[in-house]
Protein backbone atom coordinates (compact mmCIF):
# COMPACT_ATOMS: atom_id res chain seq x y z
CA UNK A 1 27.96 -17.34 -10.35
CA UNK A 2 24.76 -18.00 -8.34
CA UNK A 3 24.65 -16.49 -4.87
CA UNK A 4 22.84 -18.44 -2.15
CA UNK A 5 20.71 -16.00 -0.16
CA UNK A 6 19.66 -18.10 2.80
CA UNK A 7 20.28 -15.45 5.45
CA UNK A 8 16.99 -14.08 6.75
CA UNK A 9 18.21 -10.49 6.84
CA UNK A 10 19.38 -10.65 3.25
CA UNK A 11 15.92 -11.85 2.21
CA UNK A 12 14.34 -9.06 4.26
CA UNK A 13 16.51 -6.45 2.55
CA UNK A 14 15.72 -7.78 -0.92
CA UNK A 15 11.97 -7.76 -0.23
CA UNK A 16 12.28 -4.27 1.22
CA UNK A 17 13.92 -2.94 -1.94
CA UNK A 18 11.05 -4.50 -3.88
CA UNK A 19 8.56 -2.50 -1.81
CA UNK A 20 10.55 0.72 -2.27
CA UNK A 21 10.51 0.41 -6.06
CA UNK A 22 6.84 -0.58 -6.17
CA UNK A 23 5.90 2.68 -4.49
CA UNK A 24 8.50 4.62 -6.41
CA UNK A 25 6.65 3.66 -9.60
CA UNK A 26 3.19 3.91 -8.08
CA UNK A 27 3.69 7.35 -6.53
CA UNK A 28 4.56 9.14 -9.76
CA UNK A 29 0.90 9.84 -10.51
CA UNK A 30 -0.41 11.97 -7.57
CA UNK A 31 1.94 14.95 -8.03
CA UNK A 32 1.24 14.82 -11.79
CA UNK A 33 -2.56 14.81 -11.44
CA UNK A 34 -2.95 18.62 -11.70
CA UNK A 35 -0.99 18.51 -14.98
CA UNK A 36 -2.69 15.41 -16.39
CA UNK A 37 -6.13 16.71 -15.39
CA UNK A 38 -5.60 19.77 -17.58
CA UNK A 39 -4.01 17.90 -20.48
CA UNK A 40 -6.67 15.16 -20.62
CA UNK A 41 -9.57 17.26 -19.26
CA UNK A 42 -10.23 15.01 -16.23
CA UNK A 43 -12.67 15.67 -13.38
CA UNK A 44 -11.79 14.78 -9.78
CA UNK A 45 -13.97 11.68 -10.07
CA UNK A 46 -12.04 10.57 -13.15
CA UNK A 47 -8.76 11.24 -11.33
CA UNK A 48 -10.00 9.07 -8.47
CA UNK A 49 -11.00 6.38 -10.97
CA UNK A 50 -7.32 5.96 -11.92
CA UNK A 51 -6.62 4.76 -8.38
CA UNK A 52 -9.76 2.61 -8.51
CA UNK A 53 -8.45 0.90 -11.66
CA UNK A 54 -5.07 0.40 -10.00
CA UNK A 55 -6.68 -1.30 -7.02
CA UNK A 56 -8.93 -3.40 -9.26
CA UNK A 57 -5.81 -4.91 -10.82
CA UNK A 58 -4.21 -5.19 -7.38
CA UNK A 59 -7.19 -7.20 -6.12
CA UNK A 60 -7.63 -9.45 -9.17
CA UNK A 61 -4.08 -10.78 -9.03
CA UNK A 62 -4.29 -12.14 -5.46
CA UNK A 63 -5.57 -15.62 -6.34
CA UNK A 64 -3.41 -16.01 -9.51
CA UNK A 65 -0.37 -14.95 -7.47
CA UNK A 66 -1.00 -17.73 -4.96
CA UNK A 67 -1.24 -20.27 -7.76
CA UNK A 68 1.89 -18.92 -9.44
CA UNK A 69 4.02 -19.11 -6.31
CA UNK A 70 3.06 -22.78 -5.83
CA UNK A 71 3.81 -23.62 -9.46
CA UNK A 72 6.79 -21.37 -10.21
CA UNK A 73 8.27 -20.55 -6.79
CA UNK A 74 8.91 -17.22 -5.12
CA UNK A 75 11.80 -16.09 -7.32
CA UNK A 76 10.10 -16.40 -10.71
CA UNK A 77 6.78 -15.08 -9.42
CA UNK A 78 8.33 -11.98 -7.86
CA UNK A 79 10.45 -11.32 -10.98
CA UNK A 80 7.38 -11.55 -13.22
CA UNK A 81 5.69 -8.97 -11.02
CA UNK A 82 8.67 -6.60 -11.11
CA UNK A 83 9.12 -6.74 -14.89
CA UNK A 84 5.37 -6.31 -15.37
CA UNK A 85 5.05 -3.16 -13.28
CA UNK A 86 8.29 -1.72 -14.67
CA UNK A 87 6.89 -2.01 -18.21
CA UNK A 88 3.50 -0.68 -17.10
CA UNK A 89 5.27 2.41 -15.74
CA UNK A 90 7.60 2.94 -18.69
CA UNK A 91 4.82 2.72 -21.33
CA UNK A 92 3.16 5.84 -19.90
CA UNK A 93 5.87 7.70 -21.80
CA UNK A 94 3.90 6.92 -24.99
CA UNK A 95 0.38 7.57 -23.61
CA UNK A 96 -1.71 9.98 -25.70
CA UNK A 97 -5.12 9.87 -23.99
CA UNK A 98 -6.93 9.00 -20.77
CA UNK A 99 -7.63 5.44 -21.92
CA UNK A 100 -3.92 4.70 -22.22
CA UNK A 101 -3.23 6.09 -18.74
CA UNK A 102 -6.17 4.12 -17.30
CA UNK A 103 -5.16 0.80 -18.89
CA UNK A 104 -1.56 1.13 -17.75
CA UNK A 105 -2.71 2.06 -14.25
CA UNK A 106 -4.75 -1.15 -14.10
CA UNK A 107 -1.77 -3.22 -15.27
CA UNK A 108 0.49 -1.49 -12.76
CA UNK A 109 -1.81 -2.58 -9.94
CA UNK A 110 -2.10 -6.11 -11.34
CA UNK A 111 1.64 -6.73 -11.38
CA UNK A 112 2.39 -4.86 -8.14
CA UNK A 113 -0.26 -6.87 -6.27
CA UNK A 114 1.95 -9.95 -6.51
CA UNK A 115 4.51 -8.73 -3.97
CA UNK A 116 2.69 -8.27 -0.65
CA UNK A 117 1.25 -11.72 0.23
CA UNK A 118 4.30 -13.58 -1.09
CA UNK A 119 6.88 -11.37 0.64
CA UNK A 120 5.05 -11.33 3.98
CA UNK A 121 4.54 -15.10 3.87
CA UNK A 122 8.26 -15.52 3.17
CA UNK A 123 9.24 -13.20 6.04
CA UNK A 124 6.83 -14.91 8.41
CA UNK A 125 8.45 -18.25 7.67
CA UNK A 126 12.00 -16.90 8.00
CA UNK A 127 11.59 -14.78 11.14
CA UNK A 128 9.08 -16.71 13.25
CA UNK A 129 8.53 -14.90 16.56
CA UNK A 130 10.42 -11.87 15.24
CA UNK A 131 8.09 -11.48 12.28
CA UNK A 132 6.33 -8.42 13.76
CA UNK A 133 9.54 -6.37 13.69
CA UNK A 134 10.60 -7.82 10.32
CA UNK A 135 7.27 -7.05 8.67
CA UNK A 136 7.30 -3.59 10.25
CA UNK A 137 10.69 -2.86 8.68
CA UNK A 138 9.56 -4.37 5.38
CA UNK A 139 6.44 -2.18 5.40
CA UNK A 140 8.59 0.96 5.65
CA UNK A 141 9.57 0.36 2.02
CA UNK A 142 6.39 1.94 0.57
CA UNK A 143 7.00 5.08 2.62
CA UNK A 144 10.58 5.35 1.43
CA UNK A 145 9.36 4.95 -2.14
CA UNK A 146 6.63 7.55 -1.62
CA UNK A 147 9.00 10.00 0.01
CA UNK A 148 11.51 9.73 -2.82
CA UNK A 149 8.95 9.68 -5.64
CA UNK A 150 7.16 12.94 -4.87
CA UNK A 151 10.14 15.35 -4.98
CA UNK A 152 11.91 13.25 -7.63
CA UNK A 153 8.90 13.47 -9.96
CA UNK A 154 8.72 17.23 -9.49
CA UNK A 155 12.47 17.54 -10.17
CA UNK A 156 12.24 15.51 -13.40
CA UNK A 157 9.30 17.44 -14.83
CA UNK A 158 11.02 20.73 -14.00
CA UNK A 159 13.80 19.68 -16.40
CA UNK A 160 11.85 17.71 -19.02
CA UNK A 161 8.13 16.85 -18.82
CA UNK A 162 5.76 14.37 -17.16
CA UNK A 163 6.51 11.61 -19.70
CA UNK A 164 10.16 11.45 -18.67
CA UNK A 165 9.11 11.00 -15.02
CA UNK A 166 7.50 7.66 -15.93
CA UNK A 167 10.41 6.64 -18.16
CA UNK A 168 13.29 7.38 -15.79
CA UNK A 169 11.65 6.15 -12.59
CA UNK A 170 10.81 2.78 -14.17
CA UNK A 171 14.46 1.93 -14.86
CA UNK A 172 15.58 0.84 -11.33
CA UNK A 173 12.83 -1.82 -11.30
CA UNK A 174 14.35 -3.55 -14.34
CA UNK A 175 17.70 -3.66 -12.51
CA UNK A 176 16.05 -5.14 -9.40
CA UNK A 177 14.40 -7.87 -11.52
CA UNK A 178 17.79 -8.92 -12.89
CA UNK A 179 19.42 -8.84 -9.46
CA UNK A 180 16.58 -10.78 -7.84
CA UNK A 181 16.61 -13.48 -10.52
CA UNK A 182 20.36 -14.00 -10.03
CA UNK A 183 20.40 -14.02 -6.24
CA UNK A 184 17.08 -15.23 -4.84
CA UNK A 185 16.37 -18.94 -4.50
CA UNK A 186 12.98 -20.43 -5.29
CA UNK A 187 10.82 -21.58 -2.41
CA UNK A 188 7.50 -23.25 -3.09
CA UNK A 189 4.73 -23.18 -0.51
CA UNK A 190 2.46 -25.99 -1.59
CA UNK A 191 0.49 -28.57 0.30
CA UNK A 192 3.01 -31.37 -0.16
CA UNK A 193 5.79 -29.29 1.41
CA UNK A 194 3.86 -29.18 4.66
CA UNK A 195 3.45 -32.95 4.61
CA UNK A 196 -0.31 -32.83 5.14
CA UNK A 197 -2.41 -34.29 2.35
CA UNK A 198 -5.58 -33.26 4.18
CA UNK A 199 -4.77 -29.55 3.98
CA UNK A 200 -6.17 -29.19 0.49
CA UNK A 201 -9.50 -30.72 1.51
CA UNK A 202 -9.75 -28.90 4.83
CA UNK A 203 -8.41 -25.47 3.83
CA UNK A 204 -11.83 -23.78 3.52
CA UNK A 205 -12.99 -25.24 6.83
CA UNK A 206 -9.83 -24.12 8.60
CA UNK A 207 -10.02 -20.59 7.25
CA UNK A 208 -13.66 -20.28 8.32
CA UNK A 209 -12.62 -21.11 11.85
CA UNK A 210 -10.47 -17.95 11.86
CA UNK A 211 -13.08 -15.55 10.48
CA UNK A 212 -13.78 -14.16 13.96
CA UNK A 213 -10.21 -12.85 13.91
CA UNK A 214 -10.06 -11.86 10.24
CA UNK A 215 -13.20 -9.67 10.36
CA UNK A 216 -11.88 -6.87 12.64
CA UNK A 217 -8.49 -6.97 10.90
CA UNK A 218 -10.17 -6.70 7.49
CA UNK A 219 -12.21 -3.77 8.83
CA UNK A 220 -9.03 -2.06 10.07
CA UNK A 221 -7.36 -2.63 6.72
CA UNK A 222 -10.42 -1.19 4.97
CA UNK A 223 -10.23 2.03 7.00
CA UNK A 224 -6.50 2.19 6.37
CA UNK A 225 -7.19 2.02 2.64
CA UNK A 226 -10.02 4.56 2.83
CA UNK A 227 -7.78 7.16 4.45
CA UNK A 228 -4.59 6.28 2.63
CA UNK A 229 -6.04 6.19 -0.89
CA UNK A 230 -7.89 9.47 -0.37
CA UNK A 231 -4.83 11.26 0.97
CA UNK A 232 -2.42 9.60 -1.46
CA UNK A 233 -4.53 10.61 -4.46
CA UNK A 234 -5.89 14.04 -3.56
CA UNK A 235 -3.60 15.76 -1.04
CA UNK A 236 -1.35 17.35 -3.72
CA UNK A 237 -4.42 18.59 -5.60
CA UNK A 238 -6.02 19.77 -2.34
CA UNK A 239 -2.96 21.80 -1.45
CA UNK A 240 -2.77 23.36 -4.93
CA UNK A 241 -6.45 23.95 -5.67
CA UNK A 242 -7.90 24.67 -2.22
CA UNK A 243 -4.99 25.88 -0.11
CA UNK A 244 -3.28 27.87 -2.86
CA UNK A 245 0.12 26.16 -2.64
CA UNK A 246 2.34 26.31 -5.68
CA UNK A 247 3.19 23.03 -7.42
CA UNK A 248 6.61 22.64 -5.79
CA UNK A 249 5.45 23.41 -2.24
CA UNK A 250 2.47 21.06 -2.58
CA UNK A 251 4.71 18.19 -3.68
CA UNK A 252 7.19 18.66 -0.85
CA UNK A 253 4.42 19.12 1.72
CA UNK A 254 2.62 15.96 0.60
CA UNK A 255 5.87 14.01 1.03
CA UNK A 256 5.66 14.64 4.81
CA UNK A 257 3.02 11.90 5.06
CA UNK A 258 5.14 8.99 3.78
CA UNK A 259 8.29 10.41 5.37
CA UNK A 260 6.69 10.28 8.82
CA UNK A 261 5.42 6.82 7.94
CA UNK A 262 8.96 5.47 7.61
CA UNK A 263 9.50 5.89 11.34
CA UNK A 264 5.95 4.73 12.12
CA UNK A 265 6.30 1.45 10.27
CA UNK A 266 9.79 0.66 11.53
CA UNK A 267 8.66 1.19 15.12
CA UNK A 268 5.24 -0.49 14.72
CA UNK A 269 6.51 -3.85 16.00
CA UNK A 270 7.79 -2.28 19.22
CA UNK A 271 4.58 -0.22 19.54
CA UNK A 272 2.36 -3.31 19.30
CA UNK A 273 4.53 -5.24 21.78
CA UNK A 274 4.24 -2.37 24.25
CA UNK A 275 0.44 -1.94 24.32
CA UNK A 276 -0.87 -4.92 22.34
CA UNK A 277 -2.04 -5.32 18.77
CA UNK A 278 -5.66 -4.33 19.43
CA UNK A 279 -4.84 -1.13 21.34
CA UNK A 280 -2.16 -0.12 18.85
CA UNK A 281 -4.49 -0.48 15.88
CA UNK A 282 -7.40 1.24 17.67
CA UNK A 283 -5.35 4.27 18.75
CA UNK A 284 -3.81 4.63 15.29
CA UNK A 285 -7.22 4.62 13.57
CA UNK A 286 -8.65 7.03 16.15
CA UNK A 287 -5.82 9.55 15.82
CA UNK A 288 -5.91 9.32 12.01
CA UNK A 289 -9.62 10.22 12.01
CA UNK A 290 -9.15 13.13 14.42
CA UNK A 291 -6.22 14.57 12.49
CA UNK A 292 -8.02 14.19 9.16
CA UNK A 293 -10.81 16.37 10.54
CA UNK A 294 -8.26 18.80 11.99
CA UNK A 295 -6.74 19.22 8.52
CA UNK A 296 -9.98 20.90 7.39
CA UNK A 297 -9.92 23.57 10.11
CA UNK A 298 -6.19 24.39 10.21
CA UNK A 299 -4.83 26.88 7.67
CA UNK A 300 -1.56 28.00 9.22
CA UNK A 301 1.33 26.60 7.18
CA UNK A 302 3.35 25.29 10.14
CA UNK A 303 0.27 23.70 11.72
CA UNK A 304 -0.53 22.06 8.38
CA UNK A 305 2.94 20.51 8.38
CA UNK A 306 2.42 19.25 11.94
CA UNK A 307 -1.00 17.75 11.20
CA UNK A 308 0.30 15.92 8.11
CA UNK A 309 3.21 14.51 10.12
CA UNK A 310 0.85 13.25 12.85
CA UNK A 311 -1.41 11.70 10.20
CA UNK A 312 1.63 9.98 8.68
CA UNK A 313 2.72 8.64 12.07
CA UNK A 314 -0.72 7.32 13.02
CA UNK A 315 -1.99 6.11 9.65
CA UNK A 316 1.07 4.17 8.61
CA UNK A 317 1.66 2.63 12.04
CA UNK A 318 -1.04 -0.01 11.98
CA UNK A 319 -0.84 -1.71 8.57
CA UNK A 320 2.24 -3.78 9.57
CA UNK A 321 0.48 -4.73 12.82
CA UNK A 322 -2.51 -5.97 10.81
CA UNK A 323 -0.27 -8.14 8.61
CA UNK A 324 1.73 -9.58 11.50
CA UNK A 325 -1.49 -10.26 13.45
CA UNK A 326 -2.71 -12.36 10.54
CA UNK A 327 0.52 -14.30 10.06
CA UNK A 328 0.99 -14.89 13.79
CA UNK A 329 -2.52 -16.26 14.16
CA UNK A 330 -2.76 -18.60 11.16
CA UNK A 331 -1.01 -21.89 10.40
CA UNK A 332 1.58 -21.90 7.63
CA UNK A 333 -0.71 -23.27 4.93
CA UNK A 334 -3.29 -20.54 5.57
CA UNK A 335 -1.06 -17.49 5.97
CA UNK A 336 -0.99 -16.47 2.32
CA UNK A 337 -4.73 -17.09 1.92
CA UNK A 338 -5.57 -15.19 5.12
CA UNK A 339 -3.40 -12.25 4.10
CA UNK A 340 -5.02 -12.34 0.68
CA UNK A 341 -8.52 -12.17 2.18
CA UNK A 342 -7.71 -9.29 4.54
CA UNK A 343 -5.84 -7.25 1.93
CA UNK A 344 -8.40 -7.98 -0.78
CA UNK A 345 -11.27 -6.66 1.36
CA UNK A 346 -9.26 -3.59 2.31
CA UNK A 347 -8.29 -2.89 -1.28
CA UNK A 348 -11.87 -3.30 -2.50
CA UNK A 349 -12.83 -0.52 -0.08
CA UNK A 350 -9.85 1.49 -1.26
CA UNK A 351 -10.87 1.02 -4.90
CA UNK A 352 -14.33 2.47 -4.27
CA UNK A 353 -13.13 5.14 -1.85
CA UNK A 354 -10.99 7.02 -4.36
CA UNK A 355 -13.88 7.40 -6.78
CA UNK A 356 -16.23 8.29 -3.92
CA UNK A 357 -13.79 10.88 -2.57
CA UNK A 358 -13.39 12.41 -6.04
CA UNK A 359 -17.19 12.49 -6.44
CA UNK A 360 -17.61 14.20 -3.05
CA UNK A 361 -14.94 16.75 -3.94
CA UNK A 362 -16.66 17.55 -7.25
CA UNK A 363 -20.06 18.12 -5.62
CA UNK A 364 -19.32 19.09 -1.99
CA UNK A 365 -15.76 20.43 -2.02
CA UNK A 366 -12.60 19.29 -0.29
CA UNK A 367 -13.65 20.22 3.25
CA UNK A 368 -16.91 18.25 3.25
CA UNK A 369 -15.26 15.24 1.60
CA UNK A 370 -12.44 15.06 4.16
CA UNK A 371 -14.82 15.55 7.09
CA UNK A 372 -17.13 12.76 5.93
CA UNK A 373 -14.16 10.39 5.63
CA UNK A 374 -12.89 11.41 9.09
CA UNK A 375 -16.30 10.67 10.66
CA UNK A 376 -16.41 7.23 8.99
CA UNK A 377 -12.91 6.57 10.34
CA UNK A 378 -13.78 7.53 13.91
CA UNK A 379 -16.94 5.41 13.90
CA UNK A 380 -15.07 2.41 12.49
CA UNK A 381 -12.40 2.64 15.19
CA UNK A 382 -15.09 1.91 17.79
CA UNK A 383 -16.46 -1.03 15.82
CA UNK A 384 -12.95 -2.44 15.50
CA UNK A 385 -12.23 -2.09 19.22
CA UNK A 386 -15.46 -3.83 20.23
CA UNK A 387 -15.16 -6.68 17.73
CA UNK A 388 -11.46 -7.24 18.47
CA UNK A 389 -12.21 -7.26 22.19
CA UNK A 390 -14.64 -10.14 21.63
CA UNK A 391 -11.92 -11.91 19.66
CA UNK A 392 -9.49 -11.61 22.58
């Protein structure tokens, strides 16, 4: 029997579960990096390159995903993405060298990159003026996935080994693909649906007219990726190698970041309504930069916990505001394209930042690397505030 999921909250919940499982699969790698680095003799730069390859796939799929959703509809496109990243995760069980891990990491990013623009476009259409809160809730999914993945990965490898972490954590995604195919209805967002035959000819012109808005938002998303990818990739290794944490304590401590982000993302819509999108994004970037620097001068265990929680609250608060700012400001036919441009630019920065951070760690150490990134973040917050003020 085919269920008809037309209720907006049902669609929101289904998209949210998709985000949870994407980050459940994606977040297996960071806590395993100390083990994989020894087994495959990887430097920090090579470890960072794994995230770079992931983001390369994530970026490359943006345009094909837009074509697919117009041709196949949302249901089939999202299911293809889920099955693809589930297989890309599972096949790590058979990896025997760094090339295998690298290739599968690229494919993981390629298939997972399908979800974001399609899901946010769908939620924007379904929720209208409430899209800020809906997207904020939806964006909490990655943090839930992160929070679960870190301790779950450690638990699995304590019983078996790192290969079983990839195998077992991939299984829920296959179940979601089946459930989504049965329940979700196809919706196609093509030019004919909007009843405007001139859209196809005028799309580039229309998007150019919004570049004054997209630039500061793309900058904010770039800084978000710079901080997030660095912390996501290297915080467990930093805690083990530099701070002397044992493997278990490092994994649990690192999970404080995404755990705090759950609250931050769910409340981001209310936060932006209270002080405005520009102020909310600016303050979040500013606090993230300050706390990232503070992390390099604080060595007390309890203060380390507090700093990581504050970073999680500030860093994760503004990505949903960026996405809702884009969808609120663009017409329907440009929402997916605008989101694709902003996220693509941010992810390009993220792709280079992980390798750069690994390179800085190899040659300058963790403290210098984190301080350089914090200074870049603080400087960029000022550029964002000035450019967004001109936009207003």
